[in-house]
């Protein structure tokens, strides 16, 4: 076993959060730009996890250990929802590219684009619902408040 595998889940996440904080510090040194903002916005999930690691005792003592024990089963139980969401992402991107390149009628473009995004939002909500139900079933309802806060932070 490697040294990394011998560490506890808390220690492994703490190490990842240290690297994450270094990455954030690096981003902050960059000139203000759209690219910098996109990179920073993309870190919301890790920001929420690292913040929970620092200040949320329930996350440390109950949520994380349960996810370590049941993470694979949670993922497998929502595999269909994930696949459908992934398919909607590709379809929406492909449709947008096709409509953008070949569409002469702007109104039709807007309607098709909105339909694609609505489908994608429904798929994402369906996956999130499946995930929350699987977590509640395998890890207990005690974990739900963490995931509700987590989803609110990363969706804002």
C-alpha atoms as a PDB file:
ATOM      1  CA  UNK A   1       0.000   0.000   0.000  1.00  0.00           C
ATOM      2  CA  UNK A   2       1.204   3.509  -0.770  1.00  0.00           C
ATOM      3  CA  UNK A   3       1.621   6.129   1.931  1.00  0.00           C
ATOM      4  CA  UNK A   4      -1.406   7.979   0.564  1.00  0.00           C
ATOM      5  CA  UNK A   5      -3.598   4.868   0.901  1.00  0.00           C
ATOM      6  CA  UNK A   6      -2.552   4.476   4.550  1.00  0.00           C
ATOM      7  CA  UNK A   7      -3.877   7.929   5.441  1.00  0.00           C
ATOM      8  CA  UNK A   8      -7.324   8.335   6.924  1.00  0.00           C
ATOM      9  CA  UNK A   9     -10.035   9.850   4.701  1.00  0.00           C
ATOM     10  CA  UNK A  10      -9.873  13.041   6.783  1.00  0.00           C
ATOM     11  CA  UNK A  11      -6.116  13.299   6.244  1.00  0.00           C
ATOM     12  CA  UNK A  12      -6.474  12.651   2.503  1.00  0.00           C
ATOM     13  CA  UNK A  13      -9.141  15.335   2.128  1.00  0.00           C
ATOM     14  CA  UNK A  14      -7.069  17.729   4.246  1.00  0.00           C
ATOM     15  CA  UNK A  15      -4.131  17.169   1.871  1.00  0.00           C
ATOM     16  CA  UNK A  16      -6.376  17.762  -1.154  1.00  0.00           C
ATOM     17  CA  UNK A  17      -7.723  20.928   0.476  1.00  0.00           C
ATOM     18  CA  UNK A  18      -4.157  22.173   1.021  1.00  0.00           C
ATOM     19  CA  UNK A  19      -3.474  21.704  -2.696  1.00  0.00           C
ATOM     20  CA  UNK A  20      -6.824  23.290  -3.521  1.00  0.00           C
ATOM     21  CA  UNK A  21      -5.965  26.345  -1.407  1.00  0.00           C
ATOM     22  CA  UNK A  22      -2.639  26.623  -3.231  1.00  0.00           C
ATOM     23  CA  UNK A  23      -4.487  26.528  -6.543  1.00  0.00           C
ATOM     24  CA  UNK A  24      -6.872  29.267  -5.362  1.00  0.00           C
ATOM     25  CA  UNK A  25      -3.915  31.412  -4.291  1.00  0.00           C
ATOM     26  CA  UNK A  26      -2.409  30.918  -7.739  1.00  0.00           C
ATOM     27  CA  UNK A  27      -5.676  31.909  -9.449  1.00  0.00           C
ATOM     28  CA  UNK A  28      -5.868  35.061  -7.330  1.00  0.00           C
ATOM     29  CA  UNK A  29      -2.444  36.115  -8.636  1.00  0.00           C
ATOM     30  CA  UNK A  30      -3.740  36.061 -12.201  1.00  0.00           C
ATOM     31  CA  UNK A  31      -5.002  39.191 -13.883  1.00  0.00           C
ATOM     32  CA  UNK A  32      -8.771  39.679 -13.639  1.00  0.00           C
ATOM     33  CA  UNK A  33     -10.333  38.051 -16.687  1.00  0.00           C
ATOM     34  CA  UNK A  34     -13.241  35.899 -17.752  1.00  0.00           C
ATOM     35  CA  UNK A  35     -10.953  32.846 -17.712  1.00  0.00           C
ATOM     36  CA  UNK A  36      -9.908  33.580 -14.126  1.00  0.00           C
ATOM     37  CA  UNK A  37     -13.550  33.960 -13.106  1.00  0.00           C
ATOM     38  CA  UNK A  38     -14.502  30.679 -14.786  1.00  0.00           C
ATOM     39  CA  UNK A  39     -11.676  28.874 -12.981  1.00  0.00           C
ATOM     40  CA  UNK A  40     -12.659  30.416  -9.647  1.00  0.00           C
ATOM     41  CA  UNK A  41     -16.360  29.652 -10.144  1.00  0.00           C
ATOM     42  CA  UNK A  42     -15.488  26.052 -10.979  1.00  0.00           C
ATOM     43  CA  UNK A  43     -13.992  25.609  -7.519  1.00  0.00           C
ATOM     44  CA  UNK A  44     -17.276  26.006  -5.616  1.00  0.00           C
ATOM     45  CA  UNK A  45     -17.649  22.288  -4.870  1.00  0.00           C
ATOM     46  CA  UNK A  46     -14.138  21.989  -3.445  1.00  0.00           C
ATOM     47  CA  UNK A  47     -14.578  25.254  -1.543  1.00  0.00           C
ATOM     48  CA  UNK A  48     -17.691  23.816   0.112  1.00  0.00           C
ATOM     49  CA  UNK A  49     -16.007  20.502   0.936  1.00  0.00           C
ATOM     50  CA  UNK A  50     -12.900  22.164   2.378  1.00  0.00           C
ATOM     51  CA  UNK A  51     -15.005  24.588   4.411  1.00  0.00           C
ATOM     52  CA  UNK A  52     -17.026  21.656   5.780  1.00  0.00           C
ATOM     53  CA  UNK A  53     -13.822  19.856   6.672  1.00  0.00           C
ATOM     54  CA  UNK A  54     -12.640  22.890   8.660  1.00  0.00           C
ATOM     55  CA  UNK A  55     -15.805  23.865  10.516  1.00  0.00           C
ATOM     56  CA  UNK A  56     -18.470  21.133  10.309  1.00  0.00           C
ATOM     57  CA  UNK A  57     -17.985  18.505  13.008  1.00  0.00           C
ATOM     58  CA  UNK A  58     -20.928  16.485  11.651  1.00  0.00           C
ATOM     59  CA  UNK A  59     -19.190  16.288   8.262  1.00  0.00           C
ATOM     60  CA  UNK A  60     -15.974  15.088   9.892  1.00  0.00           C
ATOM     61  CA  UNK A  61     -17.495  12.584  12.294  1.00  0.00           C
ATOM     62  CA  UNK A  62     -20.458  11.200  10.362  1.00  0.00           C
ATOM     63  CA  UNK A  63     -20.914  12.341   6.750  1.00  0.00           C
ATOM     64  CA  UNK A  64     -17.404  11.662   5.471  1.00  0.00           C
ATOM     65  CA  UNK A  65     -16.979   8.242   7.143  1.00  0.00           C
ATOM     66  CA  UNK A  66     -20.351   7.150   5.779  1.00  0.00           C
ATOM     67  CA  UNK A  67     -19.469   8.326   2.271  1.00  0.00           C
ATOM     68  CA  UNK A  68     -16.163   6.457   2.465  1.00  0.00           C
ATOM     69  CA  UNK A  69     -18.028   3.252   3.363  1.00  0.00           C
ATOM     70  CA  UNK A  70     -20.875   3.668   0.875  1.00  0.00           C
ATOM     71  CA  UNK A  71     -19.603   5.922  -1.910  1.00  0.00           C
ATOM     72  CA  UNK A  72     -19.393   3.213  -4.561  1.00  0.00           C
ATOM     73  CA  UNK A  73     -22.887   1.927  -3.812  1.00  0.00           C
ATOM     74  CA  UNK A  74     -24.281   5.470  -3.897  1.00  0.00           C
ATOM     75  CA  UNK A  75     -22.633   6.086  -7.262  1.00  0.00           C
ATOM     76  CA  UNK A  76     -23.845   2.806  -8.732  1.00  0.00           C
ATOM     77  CA  UNK A  77     -27.406   3.341  -7.554  1.00  0.00           C
ATOM     78  CA  UNK A  78     -27.602   6.570  -9.602  1.00  0.00           C
ATOM     79  CA  UNK A  79     -25.624   5.376 -12.621  1.00  0.00           C
ATOM     80  CA  UNK A  80     -28.653   5.490 -14.933  1.00  0.00           C
ATOM     81  CA  UNK A  81     -29.481   9.057 -13.881  1.00  0.00           C
ATOM     82  CA  UNK A  82     -25.841  10.042 -14.439  1.00  0.00           C
ATOM     83  CA  UNK A  83     -25.830   8.480 -17.915  1.00  0.00           C
ATOM     84  CA  UNK A  84     -29.044  10.268 -18.877  1.00  0.00           C
ATOM     85  CA  UNK A  85     -27.678  13.575 -17.621  1.00  0.00           C
ATOM     86  CA  UNK A  86     -24.413  13.025 -19.477  1.00  0.00           C
ATOM     87  CA  UNK A  87     -26.353  12.269 -22.657  1.00  0.00           C
ATOM     88  CA  UNK A  88     -28.360  15.484 -22.237  1.00  0.00           C
ATOM     89  CA  UNK A  89     -25.140  17.478 -21.816  1.00  0.00           C
ATOM     90  CA  UNK A  90     -23.722  16.125 -25.074  1.00  0.00           C
ATOM     91  CA  UNK A  91     -27.033  16.545 -26.879  1.00  0.00           C
ATOM     92  CA  UNK A  92     -27.432  20.135 -25.689  1.00  0.00           C
ATOM     93  CA  UNK A  93     -23.882  21.042 -26.699  1.00  0.00           C
ATOM     94  CA  UNK A  94     -24.233  19.344 -30.084  1.00  0.00           C
ATOM     95  CA  UNK A  95     -27.616  20.924 -30.707  1.00  0.00           C
ATOM     96  CA  UNK A  96     -26.310  24.352 -29.765  1.00  0.00           C
ATOM     97  CA  UNK A  97     -23.353  23.976 -32.121  1.00  0.00           C
ATOM     98  CA  UNK A  98     -25.584  22.756 -34.972  1.00  0.00           C
ATOM     99  CA  UNK A  99     -28.126  25.522 -34.474  1.00  0.00           C
ATOM    100  CA  UNK A 100     -25.457  28.169 -34.115  1.00  0.00           C
ATOM    101  CA  UNK A 101     -23.684  27.115 -37.311  1.00  0.00           C
ATOM    102  CA  UNK A 102     -26.680  26.416 -39.514  1.00  0.00           C
ATOM    103  CA  UNK A 103     -29.683  28.305 -38.238  1.00  0.00           C
ATOM    104  CA  UNK A 104     -30.977  31.326 -40.091  1.00  0.00           C
ATOM    105  CA  UNK A 105     -33.939  32.009 -37.815  1.00  0.00           C
ATOM    106  CA  UNK A 106     -32.885  33.463 -34.472  1.00  0.00           C
ATOM    107  CA  UNK A 107     -36.259  32.772 -32.785  1.00  0.00           C
ATOM    108  CA  UNK A 108     -36.071  29.056 -33.628  1.00  0.00           C
ATOM    109  CA  UNK A 109     -32.500  28.995 -32.338  1.00  0.00           C
ATOM    110  CA  UNK A 110     -33.585  30.492 -29.009  1.00  0.00           C
ATOM    111  CA  UNK A 111     -36.491  28.033 -28.624  1.00  0.00           C
ATOM    112  CA  UNK A 112     -34.378  24.966 -29.439  1.00  0.00           C
ATOM    113  CA  UNK A 113     -31.595  26.169 -27.169  1.00  0.00           C
ATOM    114  CA  UNK A 114     -34.018  26.766 -24.284  1.00  0.00           C
ATOM    115  CA  UNK A 115     -35.557  23.300 -24.746  1.00  0.00           C
ATOM    116  CA  UNK A 116     -32.102  21.741 -24.522  1.00  0.00           C
ATOM    117  CA  UNK A 117     -31.222  23.619 -21.350  1.00  0.00           C
ATOM    118  CA  UNK A 118     -34.576  22.771 -19.772  1.00  0.00           C
ATOM    119  CA  UNK A 119     -33.999  19.070 -20.515  1.00  0.00           C
ATOM    120  CA  UNK A 120     -30.527  19.331 -19.028  1.00  0.00           C
ATOM    121  CA  UNK A 121     -31.844  21.035 -15.880  1.00  0.00           C
ATOM    122  CA  UNK A 122     -34.477  18.314 -15.439  1.00  0.00           C
ATOM    123  CA  UNK A 123     -31.812  15.627 -15.818  1.00  0.00           C
ATOM    124  CA  UNK A 124     -29.560  17.352 -13.285  1.00  0.00           C
ATOM    125  CA  UNK A 125     -32.427  17.629 -10.795  1.00  0.00           C
ATOM    126  CA  UNK A 126     -33.308  13.976 -11.343  1.00  0.00           C
ATOM    127  CA  UNK A 127     -29.700  12.949 -10.659  1.00  0.00           C
ATOM    128  CA  UNK A 128     -29.540  15.159  -7.553  1.00  0.00           C
ATOM    129  CA  UNK A 129     -32.789  13.633  -6.253  1.00  0.00           C
ATOM    130  CA  UNK A 130     -31.493  10.107  -6.839  1.00  0.00           C
ATOM    131  CA  UNK A 131     -28.227  10.964  -5.106  1.00  0.00           C
ATOM    132  CA  UNK A 132     -29.970  12.432  -2.056  1.00  0.00           C
ATOM    133  CA  UNK A 133     -32.283   9.413  -1.774  1.00  0.00           C
ATOM    134  CA  UNK A 134     -29.356   6.995  -2.049  1.00  0.00           C
ATOM    135  CA  UNK A 135     -27.371   8.938   0.553  1.00  0.00           C
ATOM    136  CA  UNK A 136     -30.373   9.012   2.902  1.00  0.00           C
ATOM    137  CA  UNK A 137     -30.899   5.269   2.457  1.00  0.00           C
ATOM    138  CA  UNK A 138     -27.262   4.197   2.829  1.00  0.00           C
ATOM    139  CA  UNK A 139     -25.931   6.870   5.180  1.00  0.00           C
ATOM    140  CA  UNK A 140     -28.991   7.941   7.153  1.00  0.00           C
ATOM    141  CA  UNK A 141     -31.009  11.130   6.984  1.00  0.00           C
ATOM    142  CA  UNK A 142     -28.409  12.823   9.183  1.00  0.00           C
ATOM    143  CA  UNK A 143     -26.336  13.441   6.056  1.00  0.00           C
ATOM    144  CA  UNK A 144     -29.084  15.304   4.167  1.00  0.00           C
ATOM    145  CA  UNK A 145     -28.492  18.770   5.728  1.00  0.00           C
ATOM    146  CA  UNK A 146     -24.873  18.676   4.542  1.00  0.00           C
ATOM    147  CA  UNK A 147     -25.909  17.846   0.973  1.00  0.00           C
ATOM    148  CA  UNK A 148     -28.666  20.460   0.932  1.00  0.00           C
ATOM    149  CA  UNK A 149     -26.120  23.118   1.997  1.00  0.00           C
ATOM    150  CA  UNK A 150     -23.569  21.716  -0.451  1.00  0.00           C
ATOM    151  CA  UNK A 151     -26.004  21.837  -3.386  1.00  0.00           C
ATOM    152  CA  UNK A 152     -27.063  25.379  -2.467  1.00  0.00           C
ATOM    153  CA  UNK A 153     -23.431  26.545  -2.403  1.00  0.00           C
ATOM    154  CA  UNK A 154     -22.432  24.978  -5.691  1.00  0.00           C
ATOM    155  CA  UNK A 155     -25.634  25.996  -7.470  1.00  0.00           C
ATOM    156  CA  UNK A 156     -25.452  29.671  -6.521  1.00  0.00           C
END
